[in-house]
Amino acid sequence: MATPERFTREMACTEAEWLRWLPAAIGEHSWVLHPGAADVSLGTGRLSLRWQEGPARRIALLHLPTLLVAFGFESVAEAERARFMKRFDLYTHRGGG
């Protein structure tokens, strides 16, 4: 499956959880944290991450926080985007079942 240059995801987490996951998910790439945002260097390109709280997801009596995260790759080849997102997903997906 191709990794587009720009997309948004709804993540089931708080901003505090997201910020704990982010360093491991980004790995060795250098990055700069801003309020509600991070810029990640990927070779000669970069990834711009922007997030904001979303509405809580409600399942019966369970309330899950959500974070709306926008991914914007600039000057990053599709293969490199796919590699980065594969690692990123491994560090940010929750288990269940």
Protein backbone atom coordinates (compact mmCIF):
# COMPACT_ATOMS: atom_id res chain seq x y z
CA MET A 1 0.00 0.00 0.00
CA ALA A 2 1.39 3.39 -0.99
CA THR A 3 2.11 6.03 1.63
CA PRO A 4 0.73 9.39 0.48
CA GLU A 5 2.58 12.67 1.02
CA ARG A 6 -0.25 14.06 3.16
CA PHE A 7 -2.83 12.33 5.33
CA THR A 8 -4.56 12.62 8.70
CA ARG A 9 -5.10 9.96 11.32
CA GLU A 10 -7.31 9.78 14.36
CA MET A 11 -5.22 8.26 17.15
CA ALA A 12 -6.85 6.84 20.30
CA CYS A 13 -4.55 8.54 22.82
CA THR A 14 -4.02 11.66 24.85
CA GLU A 15 -1.43 14.24 23.89
CA ALA A 16 0.69 13.12 26.88
CA GLU A 17 0.68 9.51 25.61
CA TRP A 18 1.49 10.70 22.08
CA LEU A 19 4.46 12.70 23.35
CA ARG A 20 5.78 9.63 25.22
CA TRP A 21 5.53 7.48 22.07
CA LEU A 22 6.99 10.03 19.66
CA PRO A 23 10.75 9.72 20.38
CA ALA A 24 10.77 5.93 19.91
CA ALA A 25 8.47 6.11 16.88
CA ILE A 26 10.73 8.67 15.16
CA GLY A 27 13.86 6.65 15.93
CA GLU A 28 17.25 8.06 14.94
CA HIS A 29 15.88 10.94 12.89
CA SER A 30 16.47 14.41 14.28
CA TRP A 31 13.36 16.35 15.18
CA VAL A 32 12.17 19.56 16.79
CA LEU A 33 9.12 19.72 19.04
CA HIS A 34 6.78 22.73 18.97
CA PRO A 35 3.44 23.18 20.77
CA GLY A 36 1.05 20.86 18.92
CA ALA A 37 3.64 20.05 16.27
CA ALA A 38 6.95 18.39 15.43
CA ASP A 39 9.27 18.64 12.44
CA VAL A 40 11.25 15.51 11.59
CA SER A 41 14.29 15.42 9.28
CA LEU A 42 14.16 12.50 6.83
CA GLY A 43 17.27 12.51 4.66
CA THR A 44 17.02 15.59 2.44
CA GLY A 45 13.29 15.90 3.16
CA ARG A 46 11.14 16.32 6.20
CA LEU A 47 7.95 15.27 7.89
CA SER A 48 5.68 17.85 9.45
CA LEU A 49 3.45 16.48 12.22
CA ARG A 50 0.57 18.60 13.53
CA TRP A 51 -1.94 17.46 16.13
CA GLN A 52 -4.96 18.59 18.07
CA GLU A 53 -7.39 17.01 20.46
CA GLY A 54 -10.33 15.37 18.80
CA PRO A 55 -13.71 14.43 20.22
CA ALA A 56 -13.74 11.47 22.61
CA ARG A 57 -14.82 8.21 21.03
CA ARG A 58 -17.60 6.58 22.97
CA ILE A 59 -18.23 2.84 23.00
CA ALA A 60 -21.00 1.96 25.47
CA LEU A 61 -19.70 3.29 28.81
CA LEU A 62 -16.11 3.53 27.56
CA HIS A 63 -14.73 6.94 26.55
CA LEU A 64 -11.51 6.98 24.51
CA PRO A 65 -9.61 10.21 23.96
CA THR A 66 -8.63 10.99 20.38
CA LEU A 67 -5.85 13.01 18.83
CA LEU A 68 -6.14 14.15 15.22
CA VAL A 69 -2.67 13.94 13.68
CA ALA A 70 -1.79 15.43 10.28
CA PHE A 71 1.25 13.98 8.48
CA GLY A 72 2.90 16.06 5.76
CA PHE A 73 5.96 14.66 3.97
CA GLU A 74 8.04 17.07 1.88
CA SER A 75 10.71 15.90 -0.58
CA VAL A 76 10.57 12.31 0.75
CA ALA A 77 10.39 9.45 -1.77
CA GLU A 78 7.48 7.02 -1.44
CA ALA A 79 9.75 4.12 -0.44
CA GLU A 80 11.27 6.20 2.39
CA ARG A 81 7.79 7.33 3.51
CA ALA A 82 6.68 3.69 3.63
CA ARG A 83 9.78 2.64 5.64
CA PHE A 84 9.30 5.45 8.11
CA MET A 85 5.58 4.76 8.59
CA LYS A 86 6.16 1.02 9.08
CA ARG A 87 8.40 1.75 12.07
CA PHE A 88 6.16 4.59 13.27
CA ASP A 89 3.14 2.30 13.24
CA LEU A 90 4.97 -0.41 15.19
CA TYR A 91 5.62 2.07 18.00
CA THR A 92 2.22 3.77 18.08
CA HIS A 93 -0.33 1.01 17.48
CA ARG A 94 -1.96 -0.41 20.53
CA GLY A 95 -2.53 -4.12 20.94
CA GLY A 96 -5.90 -5.59 21.60
CA GLY A 97 -8.20 -8.36 20.77
